[in-house]
Amino acid sequence: MSEWNKKRDVMRNYNLTAHLYDMRYAEEQKVKFEAIFKNLKLKEKSLILDVGCGTGLLFNYIADKAETVIGLDISKKTLFEACKRWKKFSNLQFILADADNIPFKDGVFTHVFAVTLIQNMPYPIRTLREIKRVTVNEGFIAVTVLKKTFSPERFIELLRKAGLKIVALEVDGEKLKGYVAVCKVSNLT
């Protein structure tokens, strides 16, 4: 399957199921968020990007702690659901865009989240490098993948090949249906 066909299929799937997303995935995502925030603390002036934000389930954990939060997704309908739900926060913005072509200059965000995104991407290392590109030096990237699509070893290898330094890794847990990594960006060689 071509790169664009895979992305188009993902977009169509999420557009068709946007109204059901929270009902289907809220509990599963909550477990991942808890694992992330066990290992990551946000600062008051954080500039956050949530790549593949979907309906914005993560915003419940970050919106009141950050200066600005940008939700980016390829699905127009999940972004519409997110806009409806989170309009009470003036520090949230939403962008319809592809995770492989993030429309920001280098080194903008202090924290970037990619929760249950990477397995939907044709070239995961390229996506992770693009996420790293928009993260400030010494910034943090939280990444999760589904256990059914990656082994822990392959997940770690992807993160390292993308040039990310793993500072925390969660691979166990009965309720955790994925692997969770918190990584630090170091652009110094």
N, C-alpha and C. Protein backbone atom coordinates (compact mmCIF):
# COMPACT_ATOMS: atom_id res chain seq x y z
N MET A 1 0.84 -1.18 0.00
CA MET A 1 0.00 0.00 0.00
C MET A 1 0.89 1.25 0.00
N SER A 2 0.54 2.21 -0.83
CA SER A 2 1.35 3.43 -0.90
C SER A 2 1.20 4.24 0.38
N GLU A 3 2.16 5.14 0.57
CA GLU A 3 2.16 5.99 1.76
C GLU A 3 0.86 6.78 1.87
N TRP A 4 0.47 7.44 0.77
CA TRP A 4 -0.75 8.26 0.82
C TRP A 4 -1.98 7.39 1.04
N ASN A 5 -2.05 6.21 0.42
CA ASN A 5 -3.20 5.33 0.62
C ASN A 5 -3.36 4.94 2.08
N LYS A 6 -2.25 4.63 2.74
CA LYS A 6 -2.32 4.28 4.16
C LYS A 6 -2.83 5.46 4.98
N LYS A 7 -2.30 6.63 4.73
CA LYS A 7 -2.74 7.82 5.47
C LYS A 7 -4.21 8.13 5.18
N ARG A 8 -4.61 7.99 3.93
CA ARG A 8 -6.01 8.24 3.56
C ARG A 8 -6.94 7.25 4.26
N ASP A 9 -6.53 5.99 4.35
CA ASP A 9 -7.34 4.99 5.06
C ASP A 9 -7.48 5.32 6.54
N VAL A 10 -6.39 5.75 7.16
CA VAL A 10 -6.43 6.15 8.57
C VAL A 10 -7.37 7.34 8.74
N MET A 11 -7.24 8.33 7.87
CA MET A 11 -8.08 9.52 7.93
C MET A 11 -9.56 9.14 7.77
N ARG A 12 -9.87 8.33 6.81
CA ARG A 12 -11.27 7.90 6.59
C ARG A 12 -11.81 7.15 7.80
N ASN A 13 -11.00 6.25 8.35
CA ASN A 13 -11.45 5.48 9.50
C ASN A 13 -11.78 6.39 10.68
N TYR A 14 -10.89 7.33 10.98
CA TYR A 14 -11.14 8.23 12.11
C TYR A 14 -12.26 9.21 11.81
N ASN A 15 -12.42 9.63 10.55
CA ASN A 15 -13.56 10.48 10.20
C ASN A 15 -14.88 9.75 10.42
N LEU A 16 -14.92 8.47 10.06
CA LEU A 16 -16.14 7.69 10.22
C LEU A 16 -16.47 7.38 11.68
N THR A 17 -15.46 7.26 12.51
CA THR A 17 -15.69 6.82 13.90
C THR A 17 -15.45 7.92 14.94
N ALA A 18 -15.28 9.16 14.51
CA ALA A 18 -14.96 10.25 15.44
C ALA A 18 -15.97 10.37 16.57
N HIS A 19 -17.25 10.21 16.25
CA HIS A 19 -18.30 10.36 17.27
C HIS A 19 -18.28 9.23 18.30
N LEU A 20 -17.60 8.13 18.00
CA LEU A 20 -17.51 6.99 18.91
C LEU A 20 -16.15 6.88 19.61
N TYR A 21 -15.21 7.72 19.23
CA TYR A 21 -13.82 7.57 19.67
C TYR A 21 -13.69 7.51 21.18
N ASP A 22 -14.27 8.46 21.88
CA ASP A 22 -14.12 8.50 23.34
C ASP A 22 -14.72 7.27 24.00
N MET A 23 -15.88 6.86 23.51
CA MET A 23 -16.53 5.68 24.07
C MET A 23 -15.65 4.44 23.88
N ARG A 24 -14.99 4.34 22.76
CA ARG A 24 -14.16 3.17 22.46
C ARG A 24 -12.80 3.20 23.14
N TYR A 25 -12.19 4.38 23.26
CA TYR A 25 -10.78 4.43 23.65
C TYR A 25 -10.44 5.23 24.91
N ALA A 26 -11.41 5.89 25.53
CA ALA A 26 -11.09 6.78 26.66
C ALA A 26 -10.36 6.05 27.79
N GLU A 27 -10.84 4.90 28.20
CA GLU A 27 -10.21 4.18 29.31
C GLU A 27 -8.81 3.70 28.94
N GLU A 28 -8.66 3.19 27.75
CA GLU A 28 -7.34 2.72 27.28
C GLU A 28 -6.34 3.87 27.23
N GLN A 29 -6.78 5.02 26.73
CA GLN A 29 -5.89 6.17 26.65
C GLN A 29 -5.56 6.71 28.04
N LYS A 30 -6.52 6.69 28.94
CA LYS A 30 -6.30 7.17 30.31
C LYS A 30 -5.13 6.44 30.97
N VAL A 31 -5.06 5.13 30.79
CA VAL A 31 -3.97 4.33 31.36
C VAL A 31 -2.62 4.79 30.78
N LYS A 32 -2.59 5.08 29.49
CA LYS A 32 -1.36 5.57 28.86
C LYS A 32 -0.97 6.94 29.40
N PHE A 33 -1.96 7.83 29.53
CA PHE A 33 -1.68 9.18 30.05
C PHE A 33 -1.12 9.10 31.47
N GLU A 34 -1.69 8.23 32.28
CA GLU A 34 -1.20 8.08 33.66
C GLU A 34 0.24 7.58 33.67
N ALA A 35 0.57 6.66 32.77
CA ALA A 35 1.95 6.17 32.68
C ALA A 35 2.89 7.28 32.22
N ILE A 36 2.43 8.11 31.29
CA ILE A 36 3.26 9.23 30.83
C ILE A 36 3.53 10.19 31.98
N PHE A 37 2.47 10.61 32.68
CA PHE A 37 2.63 11.66 33.69
C PHE A 37 3.22 11.16 35.00
N LYS A 38 3.38 9.87 35.10
CA LYS A 38 4.16 9.31 36.21
C LYS A 38 5.64 9.64 35.99
N ASN A 39 6.01 9.83 34.74
CA ASN A 39 7.41 10.04 34.36
C ASN A 39 7.71 11.40 33.75
N LEU A 40 6.72 12.27 33.66
CA LEU A 40 6.90 13.56 33.00
C LEU A 40 6.11 14.63 33.74
N LYS A 41 6.78 15.71 34.07
CA LYS A 41 6.13 16.85 34.74
C LYS A 41 6.13 18.03 33.78
N LEU A 42 4.99 18.68 33.69
CA LEU A 42 4.87 19.87 32.85
C LEU A 42 5.22 21.11 33.64
N LYS A 43 5.79 22.08 32.95
CA LYS A 43 6.09 23.37 33.57
C LYS A 43 5.00 24.35 33.17
N GLU A 44 4.87 25.40 33.96
CA GLU A 44 3.79 26.38 33.77
C GLU A 44 3.77 27.02 32.38
N LYS A 45 4.90 27.29 31.82
CA LYS A 45 4.97 27.98 30.52
C LYS A 45 5.19 27.00 29.36
N SER A 46 4.75 25.78 29.51
CA SER A 46 4.95 24.77 28.48
C SER A 46 4.22 25.13 27.19
N LEU A 47 4.89 24.87 26.08
CA LEU A 47 4.28 24.96 24.76
C LEU A 47 4.17 23.52 24.27
N ILE A 48 2.94 23.04 24.12
CA ILE A 48 2.71 21.62 23.89
C ILE A 48 2.08 21.37 22.52
N LEU A 49 2.56 20.33 21.86
CA LEU A 49 1.97 19.84 20.62
C LEU A 49 1.51 18.41 20.85
N ASP A 50 0.25 18.14 20.54
CA ASP A 50 -0.29 16.78 20.60
C ASP A 50 -0.51 16.32 19.16
N VAL A 51 0.40 15.49 18.67
CA VAL A 51 0.36 15.02 17.29
C VAL A 51 -0.53 13.78 17.22
N GLY A 52 -1.55 13.84 16.39
CA GLY A 52 -2.55 12.78 16.36
C GLY A 52 -3.48 12.92 17.55
N CYS A 53 -3.91 14.14 17.80
CA CYS A 53 -4.67 14.45 19.03
C CYS A 53 -6.06 13.82 19.07
N GLY A 54 -6.60 13.44 17.92
CA GLY A 54 -7.94 12.87 17.92
C GLY A 54 -8.95 13.84 18.52
N THR A 55 -9.77 13.35 19.43
CA THR A 55 -10.81 14.18 20.05
C THR A 55 -10.29 14.98 21.23
N GLY A 56 -9.01 14.87 21.51
CA GLY A 56 -8.41 15.70 22.55
C GLY A 56 -8.47 15.12 23.95
N LEU A 57 -8.51 13.82 24.08
CA LEU A 57 -8.56 13.21 25.42
C LEU A 57 -7.40 13.65 26.31
N LEU A 58 -6.24 13.87 25.73
CA LEU A 58 -5.07 14.30 26.50
C LEU A 58 -5.25 15.68 27.11
N PHE A 59 -6.06 16.53 26.49
CA PHE A 59 -6.20 17.91 26.94
C PHE A 59 -6.70 18.01 28.38
N ASN A 60 -7.45 17.03 28.82
CA ASN A 60 -7.93 17.00 30.20
C ASN A 60 -6.77 17.01 31.19
N TYR A 61 -5.63 16.50 30.79
CA TYR A 61 -4.45 16.40 31.64
C TYR A 61 -3.49 17.58 31.50
N ILE A 62 -3.60 18.34 30.41
CA ILE A 62 -2.58 19.34 30.13
C ILE A 62 -3.08 20.76 29.92
N ALA A 63 -4.33 20.94 29.54
CA ALA A 63 -4.81 22.26 29.11
C ALA A 63 -4.65 23.33 30.17
N ASP A 64 -4.89 22.99 31.43
CA ASP A 64 -4.80 24.00 32.49
C ASP A 64 -3.38 24.16 33.03
N LYS A 65 -2.44 23.39 32.51
CA LYS A 65 -1.05 23.44 32.99
C LYS A 65 -0.10 24.08 31.99
N ALA A 66 -0.58 24.36 30.81
CA ALA A 66 0.31 24.84 29.74
C ALA A 66 -0.07 26.24 29.28
N GLU A 67 0.92 26.93 28.76
CA GLU A 67 0.64 28.24 28.18
C GLU A 67 -0.17 28.09 26.89
N THR A 68 0.29 27.18 26.02
CA THR A 68 -0.38 26.94 24.74
C THR A 68 -0.33 25.45 24.43
N VAL A 69 -1.45 24.94 23.91
CA VAL A 69 -1.53 23.55 23.46
C VAL A 69 -2.07 23.56 22.03
N ILE A 70 -1.34 22.88 21.15
CA ILE A 70 -1.78 22.72 19.77
C ILE A 70 -2.14 21.26 19.57
N GLY A 71 -3.35 21.01 19.10
CA GLY A 71 -3.77 19.66 18.73
C GLY A 71 -3.69 19.54 17.22
N LEU A 72 -2.98 18.54 16.73
CA LEU A 72 -2.79 18.33 15.30
C LEU A 72 -3.30 16.95 14.94
N ASP A 73 -4.10 16.87 13.88
CA ASP A 73 -4.61 15.57 13.45
C ASP A 73 -4.91 15.64 11.96
N ILE A 74 -4.92 14.47 11.33
CA ILE A 74 -5.22 14.36 9.90
C ILE A 74 -6.73 14.20 9.67
N SER A 75 -7.48 13.92 10.74
CA SER A 75 -8.92 13.69 10.64
C SER A 75 -9.70 14.96 11.01
N LYS A 76 -10.41 15.49 10.03
CA LYS A 76 -11.20 16.70 10.24
C LYS A 76 -12.30 16.46 11.28
N LYS A 77 -12.90 15.29 11.26
CA LYS A 77 -14.03 15.04 12.17
C LYS A 77 -13.59 14.86 13.62
N THR A 78 -12.44 14.25 13.85
CA THR A 78 -11.99 14.16 15.25
C THR A 78 -11.61 15.54 15.76
N LEU A 79 -11.03 16.37 14.90
CA LEU A 79 -10.73 17.75 15.31
C LEU A 79 -12.00 18.53 15.60
N PHE A 80 -13.04 18.30 14.83
CA PHE A 80 -14.33 18.96 15.08
C PHE A 80 -14.86 18.56 16.46
N GLU A 81 -14.76 17.27 16.79
CA GLU A 81 -15.19 16.81 18.13
C GLU A 81 -14.34 17.46 19.22
N ALA A 82 -13.05 17.57 18.99
CA ALA A 82 -12.16 18.20 19.97
C ALA A 82 -12.52 19.67 20.15
N CYS A 83 -12.76 20.37 19.06
CA CYS A 83 -13.13 21.80 19.14
C CYS A 83 -14.40 21.99 19.95
N LYS A 84 -15.39 21.15 19.72
CA LYS A 84 -16.65 21.25 20.48
C LYS A 84 -16.42 21.04 21.97
N ARG A 85 -15.67 20.02 22.29
CA ARG A 85 -15.49 19.62 23.68
C ARG A 85 -14.63 20.59 24.47
N TRP A 86 -13.61 21.12 23.87
CA TRP A 86 -12.60 21.87 24.62
C TRP A 86 -12.65 23.37 24.39
N LYS A 87 -13.76 23.91 23.92
CA LYS A 87 -13.83 25.34 23.62
C LYS A 87 -13.72 26.23 24.85
N LYS A 88 -13.88 25.66 26.05
CA LYS A 88 -13.76 26.47 27.28
C LYS A 88 -12.32 26.92 27.55
N PHE A 89 -11.36 26.27 26.91
CA PHE A 89 -9.95 26.64 27.11
C PHE A 89 -9.50 27.57 25.98
N SER A 90 -9.05 28.75 26.35
CA SER A 90 -8.62 29.72 25.34
C SER A 90 -7.19 29.46 24.86
N ASN A 91 -6.47 28.58 25.54
CA ASN A 91 -5.08 28.31 25.16
C ASN A 91 -4.93 27.10 24.23
N LEU A 92 -6.03 26.57 23.72
CA LEU A 92 -6.00 25.43 22.80
C LEU A 92 -6.23 25.89 21.36
N GLN A 93 -5.45 25.34 20.45
CA GLN A 93 -5.62 25.59 19.02
C GLN A 93 -5.58 24.25 18.31
N PHE A 94 -6.25 24.17 17.16
CA PHE A 94 -6.32 22.91 16.42
C PHE A 94 -5.87 23.13 14.98
N ILE A 95 -5.13 22.15 14.48
CA ILE A 95 -4.60 22.22 13.12
C ILE A 95 -4.84 20.90 12.41
N LEU A 96 -5.42 20.98 11.22
CA LEU A 96 -5.59 19.83 10.35
C LEU A 96 -4.30 19.69 9.54
N ALA A 97 -3.52 18.65 9.84
CA ALA A 97 -2.23 18.48 9.17
C ALA A 97 -1.74 17.04 9.31
N ASP A 98 -0.74 16.72 8.53
CA ASP A 98 -0.11 15.41 8.50
C ASP A 98 1.08 15.39 9.47
N ALA A 99 1.19 14.36 10.27
CA ALA A 99 2.27 14.24 11.26
C ALA A 99 3.65 14.18 10.62
N ASP A 100 3.73 13.84 9.36
CA ASP A 100 5.02 13.81 8.68
C ASP A 100 5.42 15.17 8.10
N ASN A 101 4.53 16.13 8.18
CA ASN A 101 4.78 17.48 7.66
C ASN A 101 4.19 18.50 8.62
N ILE A 102 4.74 18.58 9.80
CA ILE A 102 4.21 19.46 10.84
C ILE A 102 4.51 20.91 10.46
N PRO A 103 3.47 21.75 10.38
CA PRO A 103 3.65 23.12 9.87
C PRO A 103 4.17 24.12 10.90
N PHE A 104 5.30 23.79 11.51
CA PHE A 104 5.96 24.68 12.46
C PHE A 104 7.46 24.68 12.18
N LYS A 105 8.09 25.78 12.56
CA LYS A 105 9.54 25.85 12.39
C LYS A 105 10.22 24.94 13.42
N ASP A 106 11.50 24.77 13.28
CA ASP A 106 12.29 23.92 14.17
C ASP A 106 12.28 24.45 15.60
N GLY A 107 12.27 23.53 16.56
CA GLY A 107 12.49 23.87 17.96
C GLY A 107 11.46 24.79 18.59
N VAL A 108 10.19 24.52 18.42
CA VAL A 108 9.13 25.37 18.96
C VAL A 108 8.59 24.87 20.29
N PHE A 109 8.36 23.57 20.41
CA PHE A 109 7.58 23.02 21.52
C PHE A 109 8.46 22.44 22.63
N THR A 110 8.06 22.69 23.87
CA THR A 110 8.78 22.13 25.02
C THR A 110 8.40 20.68 25.25
N HIS A 111 7.17 20.32 24.88
CA HIS A 111 6.67 18.95 25.05
C HIS A 111 5.86 18.58 23.81
N VAL A 112 6.11 17.39 23.30
CA VAL A 112 5.32 16.87 22.18
C VAL A 112 4.83 15.48 22.57
N PHE A 113 3.55 15.23 22.30
CA PHE A 113 2.93 13.95 22.60
C PHE A 113 2.52 13.28 21.29
N ALA A 114 2.79 11.98 21.19
CA ALA A 114 2.37 11.16 20.06
C ALA A 114 1.80 9.88 20.65
N VAL A 115 0.55 9.96 21.08
CA VAL A 115 -0.09 8.85 21.78
C VAL A 115 -0.89 8.02 20.77
N THR A 116 -0.50 6.77 20.63
CA THR A 116 -1.15 5.83 19.72
C THR A 116 -1.20 6.38 18.29
N LEU A 117 -0.10 6.94 17.86
CA LEU A 117 0.01 7.51 16.52
C LEU A 117 0.94 6.70 15.62
N ILE A 118 2.09 6.34 16.14
CA ILE A 118 3.19 5.81 15.33
C ILE A 118 2.81 4.58 14.51
N GLN A 119 1.99 3.70 15.06
CA GLN A 119 1.63 2.50 14.31
C GLN A 119 0.73 2.81 13.11
N ASN A 120 0.18 4.02 13.05
CA ASN A 120 -0.64 4.44 11.91
C ASN A 120 0.18 5.09 10.79
N MET A 121 1.45 5.27 11.02
CA MET A 121 2.29 5.99 10.06
C MET A 121 3.08 5.02 9.17
N PRO A 122 3.18 5.32 7.87
CA PRO A 122 3.90 4.43 6.96
C PRO A 122 5.38 4.28 7.30
N TYR A 123 6.00 5.37 7.75
CA TYR A 123 7.43 5.36 8.07
C TYR A 123 7.64 5.95 9.46
N PRO A 124 7.49 5.14 10.50
CA PRO A 124 7.52 5.64 11.88
C PRO A 124 8.78 6.43 12.25
N ILE A 125 9.94 6.02 11.76
CA ILE A 125 11.16 6.75 12.10
C ILE A 125 11.11 8.17 11.52
N ARG A 126 10.63 8.29 10.31
CA ARG A 126 10.50 9.63 9.70
C ARG A 126 9.54 10.50 10.52
N THR A 127 8.45 9.92 10.97
CA THR A 127 7.48 10.66 11.79
C THR A 127 8.12 11.11 13.10
N LEU A 128 8.85 10.21 13.75
CA LEU A 128 9.52 10.56 15.01
C LEU A 128 10.57 11.65 14.79
N ARG A 129 11.27 11.60 13.69
CA ARG A 129 12.27 12.65 13.39
C ARG A 129 11.59 14.00 13.15
N GLU A 130 10.43 13.98 12.52
CA GLU A 130 9.68 15.22 12.30
C GLU A 130 9.19 15.78 13.64
N ILE A 131 8.75 14.92 14.52
CA ILE A 131 8.33 15.35 15.87
C ILE A 131 9.53 15.93 16.61
N LYS A 132 10.66 15.27 16.51
CA LYS A 132 11.88 15.78 17.16
C LYS A 132 12.26 17.15 16.60
N ARG A 133 12.09 17.34 15.32
CA ARG A 133 12.46 18.61 14.68
C ARG A 133 11.75 19.80 15.31
N VAL A 134 10.48 19.64 15.67
CA VAL A 134 9.71 20.78 16.21
C VAL A 134 9.83 20.92 17.72
N THR A 135 10.61 20.04 18.35
CA THR A 135 10.80 20.07 19.80
C THR A 135 12.07 20.84 20.14
N VAL A 136 12.00 21.65 21.19
CA VAL A 136 13.18 22.42 21.62
C VAL A 136 14.27 21.48 22.12
N ASN A 137 15.51 21.92 22.04
CA ASN A 137 16.60 21.18 22.64
C ASN A 137 16.33 21.06 24.14
N GLU A 138 16.52 19.89 24.69
CA GLU A 138 16.23 19.56 26.09
C GLU A 138 14.72 19.46 26.36
N GLY A 139 13.91 19.44 25.30
CA GLY A 139 12.47 19.24 25.44
C GLY A 139 12.14 17.76 25.55
N PHE A 140 10.86 17.46 25.74
CA PHE A 140 10.43 16.08 25.96
C PHE A 140 9.41 15.65 24.92
N ILE A 141 9.51 14.38 24.56
CA ILE A 141 8.57 13.75 23.65
C ILE A 141 8.04 12.50 24.33
N ALA A 142 6.71 12.40 24.41
CA ALA A 142 6.07 11.19 24.95
C ALA A 142 5.46 10.44 23.77
N VAL A 143 5.81 9.16 23.66
CA VAL A 143 5.37 8.33 22.54
C VAL A 143 4.78 7.04 23.08
N THR A 144 3.65 6.64 22.51
CA THR A 144 3.10 5.32 22.83
C THR A 144 2.82 4.56 21.54
N VAL A 145 2.92 3.26 21.62
CA VAL A 145 2.55 2.38 20.51
C VAL A 145 1.76 1.21 21.07
N LEU A 146 0.97 0.58 20.22
CA LEU A 146 0.20 -0.58 20.65
C LEU A 146 1.09 -1.81 20.73
N LYS A 147 0.86 -2.62 21.76
CA LYS A 147 1.64 -3.86 21.92
C LYS A 147 1.45 -4.81 20.75
N LYS A 148 0.27 -4.78 20.15
CA LYS A 148 0.00 -5.72 19.06
C LYS A 148 0.74 -5.36 17.77
N THR A 149 1.32 -4.14 17.71
CA THR A 149 2.02 -3.74 16.49
C THR A 149 3.53 -3.66 16.63
N PHE A 150 4.03 -3.57 17.86
CA PHE A 150 5.47 -3.46 18.10
C PHE A 150 5.88 -4.32 19.28
N SER A 151 7.07 -4.88 19.20
CA SER A 151 7.68 -5.51 20.38
C SER A 151 8.39 -4.40 21.15
N PRO A 152 8.70 -4.62 22.43
CA PRO A 152 9.45 -3.60 23.17
C PRO A 152 10.79 -3.29 22.50
N GLU A 153 11.45 -4.32 21.99
CA GLU A 153 12.76 -4.14 21.35
C GLU A 153 12.65 -3.27 20.09
N ARG A 154 11.63 -3.53 19.29
CA ARG A 154 11.45 -2.75 18.05
C ARG A 154 11.09 -1.30 18.38
N PHE A 155 10.27 -1.11 19.41
CA PHE A 155 9.89 0.24 19.84
C PHE A 155 11.13 1.03 20.27
N ILE A 156 11.95 0.40 21.10
CA ILE A 156 13.19 1.05 21.57
C ILE A 156 14.10 1.37 20.38
N GLU A 157 14.22 0.43 19.45
CA GLU A 157 15.06 0.64 18.26
C GLU A 157 14.56 1.83 17.44
N LEU A 158 13.24 1.94 17.25
CA LEU A 158 12.66 3.07 16.51
C LEU A 158 13.02 4.41 17.16
N LEU A 159 12.86 4.46 18.48
CA LEU A 159 13.15 5.69 19.20
C LEU A 159 14.61 6.08 19.06
N ARG A 160 15.48 5.10 19.19
CA ARG A 160 16.93 5.38 19.08
C ARG A 160 17.32 5.79 17.66
N LYS A 161 16.76 5.11 16.65
CA LYS A 161 17.08 5.47 15.26
C LYS A 161 16.58 6.87 14.92
N ALA A 162 15.54 7.31 15.61
CA ALA A 162 15.02 8.67 15.40
C ALA A 162 15.85 9.71 16.16
N GLY A 163 16.83 9.23 16.94
CA GLY A 163 17.71 10.15 17.66
C GLY A 163 17.16 10.61 19.00
N LEU A 164 16.27 9.83 19.59
CA LEU A 164 15.67 10.20 20.87
C LEU A 164 16.35 9.47 22.02
N LYS A 165 16.51 10.16 23.13
CA LYS A 165 17.08 9.57 24.33
C LYS A 165 15.94 9.18 25.26
N ILE A 166 15.81 7.90 25.53
CA ILE A 166 14.73 7.40 26.38
C ILE A 166 15.07 7.67 27.84
N VAL A 167 14.19 8.39 28.54
CA VAL A 167 14.41 8.66 29.96
C VAL A 167 13.47 7.84 30.84
N ALA A 168 12.38 7.34 30.27
CA ALA A 168 11.47 6.46 31.01
C ALA A 168 10.75 5.56 30.00
N LEU A 169 10.56 4.31 30.39
CA LEU A 169 9.92 3.34 29.51
C LEU A 169 9.00 2.46 30.33
N GLU A 170 7.75 2.37 29.92
CA GLU A 170 6.77 1.49 30.56
C GLU A 170 6.37 0.42 29.54
N VAL A 171 6.66 -0.84 29.85
CA VAL A 171 6.30 -1.92 28.93
C VAL A 171 5.43 -2.97 29.60
N ASP A 172 5.28 -2.87 30.90
CA ASP A 172 4.49 -3.85 31.64
C ASP A 172 3.20 -3.21 32.13
N GLY A 173 2.35 -4.05 32.60
CA GLY A 173 1.09 -3.56 33.15
C GLY A 173 -0.07 -4.26 32.49
N GLU A 174 -0.92 -4.81 33.31
CA GLU A 174 -2.06 -5.57 32.81
C GLU A 174 -3.01 -4.68 32.00
N LYS A 175 -3.24 -3.47 32.48
CA LYS A 175 -4.18 -2.56 31.81
C LYS A 175 -3.55 -1.80 30.65
N LEU A 176 -2.23 -1.75 30.62
CA LEU A 176 -1.53 -0.99 29.59
C LEU A 176 -1.48 -1.80 28.30
N LYS A 177 -2.22 -1.35 27.28
CA LYS A 177 -2.28 -2.06 26.01
C LYS A 177 -1.19 -1.61 25.03
N GLY A 178 -0.31 -0.79 25.53
CA GLY A 178 0.76 -0.30 24.67
C GLY A 178 2.04 -0.12 25.46
N TYR A 179 3.06 0.33 24.77
CA TYR A 179 4.32 0.69 25.40
C TYR A 179 4.39 2.21 25.44
N VAL A 180 4.94 2.72 26.51
CA VAL A 180 4.99 4.17 26.73
C VAL A 180 6.44 4.58 26.96
N ALA A 181 6.88 5.57 26.21
CA ALA A 181 8.24 6.10 26.39
C ALA A 181 8.18 7.61 26.56
N VAL A 182 8.97 8.09 27.49
CA VAL A 182 9.22 9.53 27.61
C VAL A 182 10.67 9.72 27.19
N CYS A 183 10.87 10.58 26.21
CA CYS A 183 12.20 10.79 25.64
C CYS A 183 12.60 12.25 25.78
N LYS A 184 13.90 12.46 25.84
CA LYS A 184 14.44 13.82 25.90
C LYS A 184 15.17 14.09 24.60
N VAL A 185 14.99 15.30 24.11
CA VAL A 185 15.65 15.71 22.88
C VAL A 185 16.96 16.38 23.24
N SER A 186 18.02 15.90 22.63
CA SER A 186 19.32 16.54 22.78
C SER A 186 19.89 16.72 21.38
N ASN A 187 19.95 17.95 20.95
CA ASN A 187 20.47 18.24 19.61
C ASN A 187 21.97 18.43 19.60
N LEU A 188 22.60 18.19 20.74
CA LEU A 188 24.05 18.28 20.80
C LEU A 188 24.65 16.95 20.39
N THR A 189 25.69 16.98 19.61
CA THR A 189 26.29 15.71 19.17
C THR A 189 27.54 15.40 19.95
